[in-house]
Amino acid sequence: MDLIAGDITGPLADRTQDPNPTTRVGTRFTPDDWTKEGDYVTMTHTLQNVHHSSYLRVRGTNTSELEPANDPKGENPWNDLWFYANPAFIEIRRCGSLFPSALS
């Protein structure tokens, strides 16, 4: 399973395009990274040094492929399943100066 991250860059001028050059696989979890308790599998990742508004989402597959590939015509679609979660957004709000201007 992959944890995908990217910066929020603002509205697109052309909404038919969806590029975001900041998008990357931040962490790749393998079965060695999982903790299983009953029916639940847990993975943990700590975000550090978050300085920009961004988003996170997860995706996973039942194969060893690192990136999804288009299925050839006639392939059994159940052989390579992928899932994608909706994004979770992190908003960084800029505050005023640490010290009031009257103290400067």
PDB file of N, CA and C in Angstrom:
ATOM      1  N   MET A   1       0.849  -1.165   0.000  1.00  0.00           N
ATOM      2  CA  MET A   1       0.000   0.000   0.000  1.00  0.00           C
ATOM      3  C   MET A   1       0.895   1.229   0.000  1.00  0.00           C
ATOM      4  N   ASP A   2       0.484   2.251  -0.743  1.00  0.00           N
ATOM      5  CA  ASP A   2       1.247   3.488  -0.868  1.00  0.00           C
ATOM      6  C   ASP A   2       0.526   4.634  -0.185  1.00  0.00           C
ATOM      7  N   LEU A   3       1.298   5.475   0.500  1.00  0.00           N
ATOM      8  CA  LEU A   3       0.807   6.743   1.010  1.00  0.00           C
ATOM      9  C   LEU A   3       1.289   7.800   0.033  1.00  0.00           C
ATOM     10  N   ILE A   4       0.359   8.431  -0.661  1.00  0.00           N
ATOM     11  CA  ILE A   4       0.664   9.413  -1.702  1.00  0.00           C
ATOM     12  C   ILE A   4       0.451  10.800  -1.115  1.00  0.00           C
ATOM     13  N   ALA A   5       1.385  11.704  -1.379  1.00  0.00           N
ATOM     14  CA  ALA A   5       1.309  13.057  -0.840  1.00  0.00           C
ATOM     15  C   ALA A   5       1.575  14.063  -1.947  1.00  0.00           C
ATOM     16  N   GLY A   6       1.024  15.249  -1.789  1.00  0.00           N
ATOM     17  CA  GLY A   6       1.276  16.334  -2.734  1.00  0.00           C
ATOM     18  C   GLY A   6       0.879  17.656  -2.128  1.00  0.00           C
ATOM     19  N   ASP A   7       1.494  18.718  -2.605  1.00  0.00           N
ATOM     20  CA  ASP A   7       1.149  20.065  -2.154  1.00  0.00           C
ATOM     21  C   ASP A   7      -0.145  20.513  -2.816  1.00  0.00           C
ATOM     22  N   ILE A   8      -0.932  21.295  -2.099  1.00  0.00           N
ATOM     23  CA  ILE A   8      -2.106  21.922  -2.695  1.00  0.00           C
ATOM     24  C   ILE A   8      -1.602  23.175  -3.395  1.00  0.00           C
ATOM     25  N   THR A   9      -1.788  23.214  -4.701  1.00  0.00           N
ATOM     26  CA  THR A   9      -1.205  24.286  -5.510  1.00  0.00           C
ATOM     27  C   THR A   9      -2.217  25.323  -5.961  1.00  0.00           C
ATOM     28  N   GLY A  10      -3.485  25.151  -5.632  1.00  0.00           N
ATOM     29  CA  GLY A  10      -4.495  26.130  -6.008  1.00  0.00           C
ATOM     30  C   GLY A  10      -5.296  25.686  -7.209  1.00  0.00           C
ATOM     31  N   PRO A  11      -6.272  26.497  -7.613  1.00  0.00           N
ATOM     32  CA  PRO A  11      -7.146  26.138  -8.733  1.00  0.00           C
ATOM     33  C   PRO A  11      -6.370  26.053 -10.046  1.00  0.00           C
ATOM     34  N   LEU A  12      -6.846  25.177 -10.905  1.00  0.00           N
ATOM     35  CA  LEU A  12      -6.248  25.035 -12.229  1.00  0.00           C
ATOM     36  C   LEU A  12      -6.905  26.004 -13.208  1.00  0.00           C
ATOM     37  N   ALA A  13      -6.109  26.547 -14.096  1.00  0.00           N
ATOM     38  CA  ALA A  13      -6.654  27.398 -15.154  1.00  0.00           C
ATOM     39  C   ALA A  13      -7.456  26.550 -16.139  1.00  0.00           C
ATOM     40  N   ASP A  14      -6.963  25.341 -16.411  1.00  0.00           N
ATOM     41  CA  ASP A  14      -7.618  24.431 -17.345  1.00  0.00           C
ATOM     42  C   ASP A  14      -8.053  23.195 -16.569  1.00  0.00           C
ATOM     43  N   ARG A  15      -9.328  23.089 -16.239  1.00  0.00           N
ATOM     44  CA  ARG A  15      -9.825  21.992 -15.413  1.00  0.00           C
ATOM     45  C   ARG A  15      -9.864  20.656 -16.139  1.00  0.00           C
ATOM     46  N   THR A  16      -9.540  20.635 -17.447  1.00  0.00           N
ATOM     47  CA  THR A  16      -9.459  19.359 -18.147  1.00  0.00           C
ATOM     48  C   THR A  16      -8.095  18.710 -17.912  1.00  0.00           C
ATOM     49  N   GLN A  17      -7.176  19.420 -17.303  1.00  0.00           N
ATOM     50  CA  GLN A  17      -5.850  18.893 -16.967  1.00  0.00           C
ATOM     51  C   GLN A  17      -5.778  18.668 -15.461  1.00  0.00           C
ATOM     52  N   ASP A  18      -4.981  17.701 -15.053  1.00  0.00           N
ATOM     53  CA  ASP A  18      -4.863  17.471 -13.609  1.00  0.00           C
ATOM     54  C   ASP A  18      -3.421  17.211 -13.163  1.00  0.00           C
ATOM     55  N   PRO A  19      -2.442  17.890 -13.739  1.00  0.00           N
ATOM     56  CA  PRO A  19      -1.061  17.639 -13.304  1.00  0.00           C
ATOM     57  C   PRO A  19      -0.766  18.299 -11.953  1.00  0.00           C
ATOM     58  N   ASN A  20       0.033  17.637 -11.163  1.00  0.00           N
ATOM     59  CA  ASN A  20       0.562  18.226  -9.935  1.00  0.00           C
ATOM     60  C   ASN A  20       1.968  17.657  -9.768  1.00  0.00           C
ATOM     61  N   PRO A  21       2.978  18.415 -10.158  1.00  0.00           N
ATOM     62  CA  PRO A  21       4.343  17.891 -10.123  1.00  0.00           C
ATOM     63  C   PRO A  21       4.857  17.595  -8.713  1.00  0.00           C
ATOM     64  N   THR A  22       4.143  18.038  -7.675  1.00  0.00           N
ATOM     65  CA  THR A  22       4.586  17.750  -6.312  1.00  0.00           C
ATOM     66  C   THR A  22       4.102  16.397  -5.809  1.00  0.00           C
ATOM     67  N   THR A  23       3.193  15.753  -6.544  1.00  0.00           N
ATOM     68  CA  THR A  23       2.639  14.479  -6.104  1.00  0.00           C
ATOM     69  C   THR A  23       3.706  13.393  -6.152  1.00  0.00           C
ATOM     70  N   ARG A  24       3.767  12.604  -5.057  1.00  0.00           N
ATOM     71  CA  ARG A  24       4.789  11.562  -4.971  1.00  0.00           C
ATOM     72  C   ARG A  24       4.299  10.461  -4.027  1.00  0.00           C
ATOM     73  N   VAL A  25       4.903   9.297  -4.164  1.00  0.00           N
ATOM     74  CA  VAL A  25       4.681   8.237  -3.187  1.00  0.00           C
ATOM     75  C   VAL A  25       5.585   8.563  -2.003  1.00  0.00           C
ATOM     76  N   GLY A  26       4.977   8.955  -0.884  1.00  0.00           N
ATOM     77  CA  GLY A  26       5.749   9.338   0.292  1.00  0.00           C
ATOM     78  C   GLY A  26       6.279   8.138   1.047  1.00  0.00           C
ATOM     79  N   THR A  27       5.449   7.121   1.164  1.00  0.00           N
ATOM     80  CA  THR A  27       5.826   5.911   1.882  1.00  0.00           C
ATOM     81  C   THR A  27       5.177   4.721   1.199  1.00  0.00           C
ATOM     82  N   ARG A  28       5.928   3.643   1.083  1.00  0.00           N
ATOM     83  CA  ARG A  28       5.376   2.388   0.551  1.00  0.00           C
ATOM     84  C   ARG A  28       5.391   1.373   1.701  1.00  0.00           C
ATOM     85  N   PHE A  29       4.202   0.893   2.051  1.00  0.00           N
ATOM     86  CA  PHE A  29       4.070  -0.092   3.112  1.00  0.00           C
ATOM     87  C   PHE A  29       4.042  -1.492   2.509  1.00  0.00           C
ATOM     88  N   THR A  30       4.809  -2.390   3.081  1.00  0.00           N
ATOM     89  CA  THR A  30       4.793  -3.798   2.695  1.00  0.00           C
ATOM     90  C   THR A  30       4.244  -4.600   3.868  1.00  0.00           C
ATOM     91  N   PRO A  31       3.957  -5.876   3.690  1.00  0.00           N
ATOM     92  CA  PRO A  31       3.451  -6.672   4.816  1.00  0.00           C
ATOM     93  C   PRO A  31       4.357  -6.629   6.057  1.00  0.00           C
ATOM     94  N   ASP A  32       5.645  -6.390   5.875  1.00  0.00           N
ATOM     95  CA  ASP A  32       6.548  -6.281   7.030  1.00  0.00           C
ATOM     96  C   ASP A  32       6.237  -5.055   7.886  1.00  0.00           C
ATOM     97  N   ASP A  33       5.552  -4.053   7.308  1.00  0.00           N
ATOM     98  CA  ASP A  33       5.225  -2.812   8.019  1.00  0.00           C
ATOM     99  C   ASP A  33       3.864  -2.863   8.708  1.00  0.00           C
ATOM    100  N   TRP A  34       3.113  -3.929   8.494  1.00  0.00           N
ATOM    101  CA  TRP A  34       1.757  -4.007   9.010  1.00  0.00           C
ATOM    102  C   TRP A  34       1.739  -4.609  10.401  1.00  0.00           C
ATOM    103  N   THR A  35       0.767  -4.182  11.182  1.00  0.00           N
ATOM    104  CA  THR A  35       0.452  -4.806  12.462  1.00  0.00           C
ATOM    105  C   THR A  35      -0.963  -5.344  12.334  1.00  0.00           C
ATOM    106  N   LYS A  36      -1.138  -6.621  12.594  1.00  0.00           N
ATOM    107  CA  LYS A  36      -2.469  -7.218  12.462  1.00  0.00           C
ATOM    108  C   LYS A  36      -2.993  -7.576  13.845  1.00  0.00           C
ATOM    109  N   GLU A  37      -4.229  -7.122  14.093  1.00  0.00           N
ATOM    110  CA  GLU A  37      -4.905  -7.445  15.342  1.00  0.00           C
ATOM    111  C   GLU A  37      -6.330  -7.838  14.997  1.00  0.00           C
ATOM    112  N   GLY A  38      -6.633  -9.116  15.089  1.00  0.00           N
ATOM    113  CA  GLY A  38      -7.954  -9.603  14.694  1.00  0.00           C
ATOM    114  C   GLY A  38      -8.170  -9.379  13.203  1.00  0.00           C
ATOM    115  N   ASP A  39      -9.262  -8.718  12.848  1.00  0.00           N
ATOM    116  CA  ASP A  39      -9.578  -8.438  11.449  1.00  0.00           C
ATOM    117  C   ASP A  39      -8.932  -7.156  10.937  1.00  0.00           C
ATOM    118  N   TYR A  40      -8.205  -6.445  11.801  1.00  0.00           N
ATOM    119  CA  TYR A  40      -7.676  -5.133  11.435  1.00  0.00           C
ATOM    120  C   TYR A  40      -6.178  -5.191  11.162  1.00  0.00           C
ATOM    121  N   VAL A  41      -5.789  -4.496  10.100  1.00  0.00           N
ATOM    122  CA  VAL A  41      -4.379  -4.326   9.751  1.00  0.00           C
ATOM    123  C   VAL A  41      -4.075  -2.836   9.886  1.00  0.00           C
ATOM    124  N   THR A  42      -3.004  -2.499  10.578  1.00  0.00           N
ATOM    125  CA  THR A  42      -2.665  -1.109  10.842  1.00  0.00           C
ATOM    126  C   THR A  42      -1.273  -0.796  10.313  1.00  0.00           C
ATOM    127  N   MET A  43      -1.147   0.366   9.694  1.00  0.00           N
ATOM    128  CA  MET A  43       0.136   0.908   9.280  1.00  0.00           C
ATOM    129  C   MET A  43       0.245   2.296   9.868  1.00  0.00           C
ATOM    130  N   THR A  44       1.445   2.709  10.255  1.00  0.00           N
ATOM    131  CA  THR A  44       1.630   4.006  10.884  1.00  0.00           C
ATOM    132  C   THR A  44       2.722   4.781  10.160  1.00  0.00           C
ATOM    133  N   HIS A  45       2.466   6.073   9.974  1.00  0.00           N
ATOM    134  CA  HIS A  45       3.465   6.973   9.388  1.00  0.00           C
ATOM    135  C   HIS A  45       3.353   8.314  10.105  1.00  0.00           C
ATOM    136  N   THR A  46       4.477   8.881  10.508  1.00  0.00           N
ATOM    137  CA  THR A  46       4.488  10.175  11.170  1.00  0.00           C
ATOM    138  C   THR A  46       4.915  11.246  10.175  1.00  0.00           C
ATOM    139  N   LEU A  47       4.085  12.266  10.016  1.00  0.00           N
ATOM    140  CA  LEU A  47       4.426  13.394   9.154  1.00  0.00           C
ATOM    141  C   LEU A  47       5.345  14.327   9.918  1.00  0.00           C
ATOM    142  N   GLN A  48       6.405  14.767   9.265  1.00  0.00           N
ATOM    143  CA  GLN A  48       7.352  15.682   9.901  1.00  0.00           C
ATOM    144  C   GLN A  48       7.599  16.875   8.986  1.00  0.00           C
ATOM    145  N   ASN A  49       7.887  18.011   9.596  1.00  0.00           N
ATOM    146  CA  ASN A  49       8.246  19.223   8.854  1.00  0.00           C
ATOM    147  C   ASN A  49       7.232  19.575   7.780  1.00  0.00           C
ATOM    148  N   VAL A  50       5.972  19.612   8.141  1.00  0.00           N
ATOM    149  CA  VAL A  50       4.913  19.978   7.200  1.00  0.00           C
ATOM    150  C   VAL A  50       4.839  21.503   7.156  1.00  0.00           C
ATOM    151  N   HIS A  51       5.192  22.075   6.000  1.00  0.00           N
ATOM    152  CA  HIS A  51       5.255  23.530   5.863  1.00  0.00           C
ATOM    153  C   HIS A  51       4.270  24.082   4.837  1.00  0.00           C
ATOM    154  N   HIS A  52       3.622  23.200   4.065  1.00  0.00           N
ATOM    155  CA  HIS A  52       2.707  23.633   3.011  1.00  0.00           C
ATOM    156  C   HIS A  52       1.390  22.884   3.143  1.00  0.00           C
ATOM    157  N   SER A  53       0.305  23.547   2.768  1.00  0.00           N
ATOM    158  CA  SER A  53      -0.976  22.845   2.690  1.00  0.00           C
ATOM    159  C   SER A  53      -0.819  21.717   1.691  1.00  0.00           C
ATOM    160  N   SER A  54      -1.320  20.559   2.043  1.00  0.00           N
ATOM    161  CA  SER A  54      -1.085  19.390   1.206  1.00  0.00           C
ATOM    162  C   SER A  54      -2.231  18.402   1.350  1.00  0.00           C
ATOM    163  N   TYR A  55      -2.101  17.301   0.648  1.00  0.00           N
ATOM    164  CA  TYR A  55      -3.088  16.240   0.753  1.00  0.00           C
ATOM    165  C   TYR A  55      -2.380  14.902   0.864  1.00  0.00           C
ATOM    166  N   LEU A  56      -3.081  13.944   1.421  1.00  0.00           N
ATOM    167  CA  LEU A  56      -2.613  12.567   1.540  1.00  0.00           C
ATOM    168  C   LEU A  56      -3.716  11.657   1.053  1.00  0.00           C
ATOM    169  N   ARG A  57      -3.336  10.587   0.409  1.00  0.00           N
ATOM    170  CA  ARG A  57      -4.301   9.555   0.061  1.00  0.00           C
ATOM    171  C   ARG A  57      -3.563   8.231   0.019  1.00  0.00           C
ATOM    172  N   VAL A  58      -4.285   7.160   0.101  1.00  0.00           N
ATOM    173  CA  VAL A  58      -3.661   5.843   0.019  1.00  0.00           C
ATOM    174  C   VAL A  58      -4.197   5.104  -1.192  1.00  0.00           C
ATOM    175  N   ARG A  59      -3.358   4.234  -1.694  1.00  0.00           N
ATOM    176  CA  ARG A  59      -3.786   3.328  -2.764  1.00  0.00           C
ATOM    177  C   ARG A  59      -3.125   1.986  -2.483  1.00  0.00           C
ATOM    178  N   GLY A  60      -3.695   0.960  -3.017  1.00  0.00           N
ATOM    179  CA  GLY A  60      -3.138  -0.362  -2.810  1.00  0.00           C
ATOM    180  C   GLY A  60      -3.546  -1.303  -3.913  1.00  0.00           C
ATOM    181  N   THR A  61      -2.915  -2.462  -3.920  1.00  0.00           N
ATOM    182  CA  THR A  61      -3.182  -3.460  -4.950  1.00  0.00           C
ATOM    183  C   THR A  61      -2.983  -4.856  -4.373  1.00  0.00           C
ATOM    184  N   ASN A  62      -3.475  -5.844  -5.086  1.00  0.00           N
ATOM    185  CA  ASN A  62      -3.254  -7.230  -4.707  1.00  0.00           C
ATOM    186  C   ASN A  62      -2.112  -7.845  -5.518  1.00  0.00           C
ATOM    187  N   THR A  63      -1.328  -7.001  -6.195  1.00  0.00           N
ATOM    188  CA  THR A  63      -0.208  -7.489  -6.998  1.00  0.00           C
ATOM    189  C   THR A  63       1.098  -6.902  -6.466  1.00  0.00           C
ATOM    190  N   SER A  64       2.193  -7.227  -7.123  1.00  0.00           N
ATOM    191  CA  SER A  64       3.492  -6.658  -6.748  1.00  0.00           C
ATOM    192  C   SER A  64       3.862  -5.467  -7.625  1.00  0.00           C
ATOM    193  N   GLU A  65       2.930  -5.019  -8.487  1.00  0.00           N
ATOM    194  CA  GLU A  65       3.185  -3.848  -9.332  1.00  0.00           C
ATOM    195  C   GLU A  65       3.413  -2.615  -8.466  1.00  0.00           C
ATOM    196  N   LEU A  66       4.381  -1.782  -8.837  1.00  0.00           N
ATOM    197  CA  LEU A  66       4.638  -0.557  -8.108  1.00  0.00           C
ATOM    198  C   LEU A  66       3.746   0.583  -8.576  1.00  0.00           C
ATOM    199  N   GLU A  67       3.332   0.547  -9.826  1.00  0.00           N
ATOM    200  CA  GLU A  67       2.424   1.544 -10.401  1.00  0.00           C
ATOM    201  C   GLU A  67       1.377   0.798 -11.218  1.00  0.00           C
ATOM    202  N   PRO A  68       0.147   1.294 -11.234  1.00  0.00           N
ATOM    203  CA  PRO A  68      -0.882   0.614 -12.026  1.00  0.00           C
ATOM    204  C   PRO A  68      -0.614   0.740 -13.519  1.00  0.00           C
ATOM    205  N   ALA A  69      -0.861  -0.330 -14.224  1.00  0.00           N
ATOM    206  CA  ALA A  69      -0.718  -0.345 -15.684  1.00  0.00           C
ATOM    207  C   ALA A  69      -2.085  -0.598 -16.304  1.00  0.00           C
ATOM    208  N   ASN A  70      -2.282  -0.121 -17.522  1.00  0.00           N
ATOM    209  CA  ASN A  70      -3.546  -0.390 -18.220  1.00  0.00           C
ATOM    210  C   ASN A  70      -3.679  -1.882 -18.461  1.00  0.00           C
ATOM    211  N   ASP A  71      -4.892  -2.390 -18.303  1.00  0.00           N
ATOM    212  CA  ASP A  71      -5.149  -3.805 -18.546  1.00  0.00           C
ATOM    213  C   ASP A  71      -5.201  -4.073 -20.040  1.00  0.00           C
ATOM    214  N   PRO A  72      -4.521  -5.117 -20.495  1.00  0.00           N
ATOM    215  CA  PRO A  72      -4.669  -5.503 -21.909  1.00  0.00           C
ATOM    216  C   PRO A  72      -6.101  -5.963 -22.176  1.00  0.00           C
ATOM    217  N   LYS A  73      -6.538  -5.798 -23.388  1.00  0.00           N
ATOM    218  CA  LYS A  73      -7.895  -6.201 -23.765  1.00  0.00           C
ATOM    219  C   LYS A  73      -8.084  -7.691 -23.477  1.00  0.00           C
ATOM    220  N   GLY A  74      -9.180  -8.006 -22.813  1.00  0.00           N
ATOM    221  CA  GLY A  74      -9.518  -9.395 -22.524  1.00  0.00           C
ATOM    222  C   GLY A  74      -8.924  -9.930 -21.231  1.00  0.00           C
ATOM    223  N   GLU A  75      -8.120  -9.124 -20.533  1.00  0.00           N
ATOM    224  CA  GLU A  75      -7.530  -9.598 -19.273  1.00  0.00           C
ATOM    225  C   GLU A  75      -8.612  -9.728 -18.212  1.00  0.00           C
ATOM    226  N   ASN A  76      -8.456 -10.703 -17.343  1.00  0.00           N
ATOM    227  CA  ASN A  76      -9.377 -10.869 -16.227  1.00  0.00           C
ATOM    228  C   ASN A  76      -9.148  -9.712 -15.254  1.00  0.00           C
ATOM    229  N   PRO A  77     -10.119  -8.833 -15.071  1.00  0.00           N
ATOM    230  CA  PRO A  77      -9.906  -7.651 -14.236  1.00  0.00           C
ATOM    231  C   PRO A  77      -9.692  -7.974 -12.761  1.00  0.00           C
ATOM    232  N   TRP A  78     -10.031  -9.170 -12.318  1.00  0.00           N
ATOM    233  CA  TRP A  78      -9.890  -9.529 -10.907  1.00  0.00           C
ATOM    234  C   TRP A  78      -8.453  -9.922 -10.557  1.00  0.00           C
ATOM    235  N   ASN A  79      -7.604 -10.094 -11.573  1.00  0.00           N
ATOM    236  CA  ASN A  79      -6.222 -10.497 -11.308  1.00  0.00           C
ATOM    237  C   ASN A  79      -5.356  -9.364 -10.778  1.00  0.00           C
ATOM    238  N   ASP A  80      -5.722  -8.133 -11.055  1.00  0.00           N
ATOM    239  CA  ASP A  80      -4.923  -6.998 -10.575  1.00  0.00           C
ATOM    240  C   ASP A  80      -5.842  -5.858 -10.130  1.00  0.00           C
ATOM    241  N   LEU A  81      -6.285  -5.950  -8.902  1.00  0.00           N
ATOM    242  CA  LEU A  81      -7.188  -4.945  -8.347  1.00  0.00           C
ATOM    243  C   LEU A  81      -6.390  -3.811  -7.708  1.00  0.00           C
ATOM    244  N   TRP A  82      -6.885  -2.603  -7.873  1.00  0.00           N
ATOM    245  CA  TRP A  82      -6.302  -1.422  -7.244  1.00  0.00           C
ATOM    246  C   TRP A  82      -7.402  -0.690  -6.500  1.00  0.00           C
ATOM    247  N   PHE A  83      -7.073  -0.108  -5.359  1.00  0.00           N
ATOM    248  CA  PHE A  83      -8.029   0.759  -4.683  1.00  0.00           C
ATOM    249  C   PHE A  83      -7.356   2.098  -4.414  1.00  0.00           C
ATOM    250  N   TYR A  84      -8.166   3.125  -4.347  1.00  0.00           N
ATOM    251  CA  TYR A  84      -7.709   4.491  -4.051  1.00  0.00           C
ATOM    252  C   TYR A  84      -8.649   5.084  -3.022  1.00  0.00           C
ATOM    253  N   ALA A  85      -8.101   5.696  -1.980  1.00  0.00           N
ATOM    254  CA  ALA A  85      -8.914   6.379  -0.984  1.00  0.00           C
ATOM    255  C   ALA A  85      -9.081   7.840  -1.384  1.00  0.00           C
ATOM    256  N   ASN A  86     -10.151   8.451  -0.936  1.00  0.00           N
ATOM    257  CA  ASN A  86     -10.305   9.893  -1.115  1.00  0.00           C
ATOM    258  C   ASN A  86      -9.198  10.606  -0.355  1.00  0.00           C
ATOM    259  N   PRO A  87      -8.827  11.788  -0.798  1.00  0.00           N
ATOM    260  CA  PRO A  87      -7.738  12.490  -0.114  1.00  0.00           C
ATOM    261  C   PRO A  87      -8.161  13.048   1.240  1.00  0.00           C
ATOM    262  N   ALA A  88      -7.186  13.144   2.131  1.00  0.00           N
ATOM    263  CA  ALA A  88      -7.323  13.880   3.386  1.00  0.00           C
ATOM    264  C   ALA A  88      -6.472  15.133   3.215  1.00  0.00           C
ATOM    265  N   PHE A  89      -7.028  16.285   3.558  1.00  0.00           N
ATOM    266  CA  PHE A  89      -6.340  17.555   3.324  1.00  0.00           C
ATOM    267  C   PHE A  89      -5.742  18.102   4.619  1.00  0.00           C
ATOM    268  N   ILE A  90      -4.567  18.678   4.484  1.00  0.00           N
ATOM    269  CA  ILE A  90      -3.889  19.358   5.582  1.00  0.00           C
ATOM    270  C   ILE A  90      -3.792  20.820   5.194  1.00  0.00           C
ATOM    271  N   GLU A  91      -4.371  21.693   6.005  1.00  0.00           N
ATOM    272  CA  GLU A  91      -4.324  23.118   5.705  1.00  0.00           C
ATOM    273  C   GLU A  91      -3.377  23.804   6.676  1.00  0.00           C
ATOM    274  N   ILE A  92      -2.383  24.487   6.138  1.00  0.00           N
ATOM    275  CA  ILE A  92      -1.438  25.257   6.936  1.00  0.00           C
ATOM    276  C   ILE A  92      -1.893  26.710   6.879  1.00  0.00           C
ATOM    277  N   ARG A  93      -2.182  27.269   8.017  1.00  0.00           N
ATOM    278  CA  ARG A  93      -2.596  28.671   8.077  1.00  0.00           C
ATOM    279  C   ARG A  93      -1.428  29.477   8.626  1.00  0.00           C
ATOM    280  N   ARG A  94      -1.114  30.547   7.939  1.00  0.00           N
ATOM    281  CA  ARG A  94      -0.029  31.431   8.362  1.00  0.00           C
ATOM    282  C   ARG A  94      -0.560  32.406   9.403  1.00  0.00           C
ATOM    283  N   CYS A  95       0.082  32.463  10.530  1.00  0.00           N
ATOM    284  CA  CYS A  95      -0.295  33.395  11.585  1.00  0.00           C
ATOM    285  C   CYS A  95       0.566  34.640  11.465  1.00  0.00           C
ATOM    286  N   GLY A  96       0.157  35.690  12.151  1.00  0.00           N
ATOM    287  CA  GLY A  96       0.954  36.910  12.181  1.00  0.00           C
ATOM    288  C   GLY A  96       2.275  36.660  12.884  1.00  0.00           C
ATOM    289  N   SER A  97       3.029  37.691  13.044  1.00  0.00           N
ATOM    290  CA  SER A  97       4.321  37.618  13.695  1.00  0.00           C
ATOM    291  C   SER A  97       4.177  37.026  15.103  1.00  0.00           C
ATOM    292  N   LEU A  98       5.218  36.396  15.561  1.00  0.00           N
ATOM    293  CA  LEU A  98       5.244  35.841  16.897  1.00  0.00           C
ATOM    294  C   LEU A  98       5.168  36.959  17.947  1.00  0.00           C
ATOM    295  N   PHE A  99       5.692  38.110  17.621  1.00  0.00           N
ATOM    296  CA  PHE A  99       5.732  39.229  18.570  1.00  0.00           C
ATOM    297  C   PHE A  99       4.915  40.392  18.001  1.00  0.00           C
ATOM    298  N   PRO A 100       4.066  41.002  18.796  1.00  0.00           N
ATOM    299  CA  PRO A 100       3.295  42.162  18.319  1.00  0.00           C
ATOM    300  C   PRO A 100       4.232  43.286  17.888  1.00  0.00           C
ATOM    301  N   SER A 101       3.820  44.034  16.870  1.00  0.00           N
ATOM    302  CA  SER A 101       4.668  45.113  16.338  1.00  0.00           C
ATOM    303  C   SER A 101       4.970  46.173  17.382  1.00  0.00           C
ATOM    304  N   ALA A 102       4.124  46.335  18.401  1.00  0.00           N
ATOM    305  CA  ALA A 102       4.359  47.346  19.438  1.00  0.00           C
ATOM    306  C   ALA A 102       5.623  47.032  20.244  1.00  0.00           C
ATOM    307  N   LEU A 103       6.014  45.740  20.237  1.00  0.00           N
ATOM    308  CA  LEU A 103       7.211  45.370  20.998  1.00  0.00           C
ATOM    309  C   LEU A 103       8.478  45.479  20.153  1.00  0.00           C
ATOM    310  N   SER A 104       8.345  45.715  18.876  1.00  0.00           N
ATOM    311  CA  SER A 104       9.520  45.754  17.980  1.00  0.00           C
ATOM    312  C   SER A 104      10.341  46.976  18.212  1.00  0.00           C
TER     313      SER A 104
END
